[in-house]
Amino acid sequence: MEENKRIIKDCKVVIIGGSAGSLQVLLQILPFIENPISFAIVIVVHRKQSDEQTLEALLALKSQVKVIDVEDKVALKPGFIYIAPSNYHLLFEKEKTLSLDTSEKINYSRPTIDVSFESAAEIYGSALVGILLSGSNSDGTIGMKAIQNAGGITVVQNPVSAEMSFMPNNAILHTQPDYVLNTEEILAFIKEINPD
């Protein structure tokens, strides 16, 4: 992992966004995160509604950390993995809850990574880590900028290791992420921000 980079001292939320090619990365990371964790993990990925149960079932089966399917106004608590449902934008609320929104698609997607990243940055600021994975459109770049502007830490999957490199490449081109990491390094990074 890269040295002499900013580190986060009091992480409250790790938000992970991805699109095409990100499921495999999630399955290489999330099962190896040991319970308990001192922050919440929120997953926002582009997927078809027909794939919805598959993602939740796979992660629930493989993860040591309890997986929660987000419903409107669910409380966001440390120690859980929250998965945004398909066909809803996921928003973070001041009351430390998550809300679902059916407004129009952005970047041809709902949920949209940018919307969730921006919303999380507004609420959690410097206590937020945003991770952007494989994908084939520009979603996530604007959200990464919002996280940076709020003082949070940004991580982009190394495009060389991404099945679809457009999304991470676009984020690197238009932002200066704190870290550009391979899959194994992303796992090590998440473990590092979770105190023993």
Foldseek 3Di string as FASTA:
>chain_A
DDPPFDAAAAAAEEEEEEEPQCLVLCLVAQLPQAPDFQYEYEYHYFDDQVCQVVSQVSNCVRHNFHEDEADAFAAGGGRYYYYDHFQWAWAADLVRTIHTHNPDDDPNGPNFQLRHLLRCCVRQQQNYEYEYAADADQTPQNSQVNNVVSNHAYEYEALVQGPHNPHSVNNVVRDPHSYHYHSVVVNVSSNVNGDD
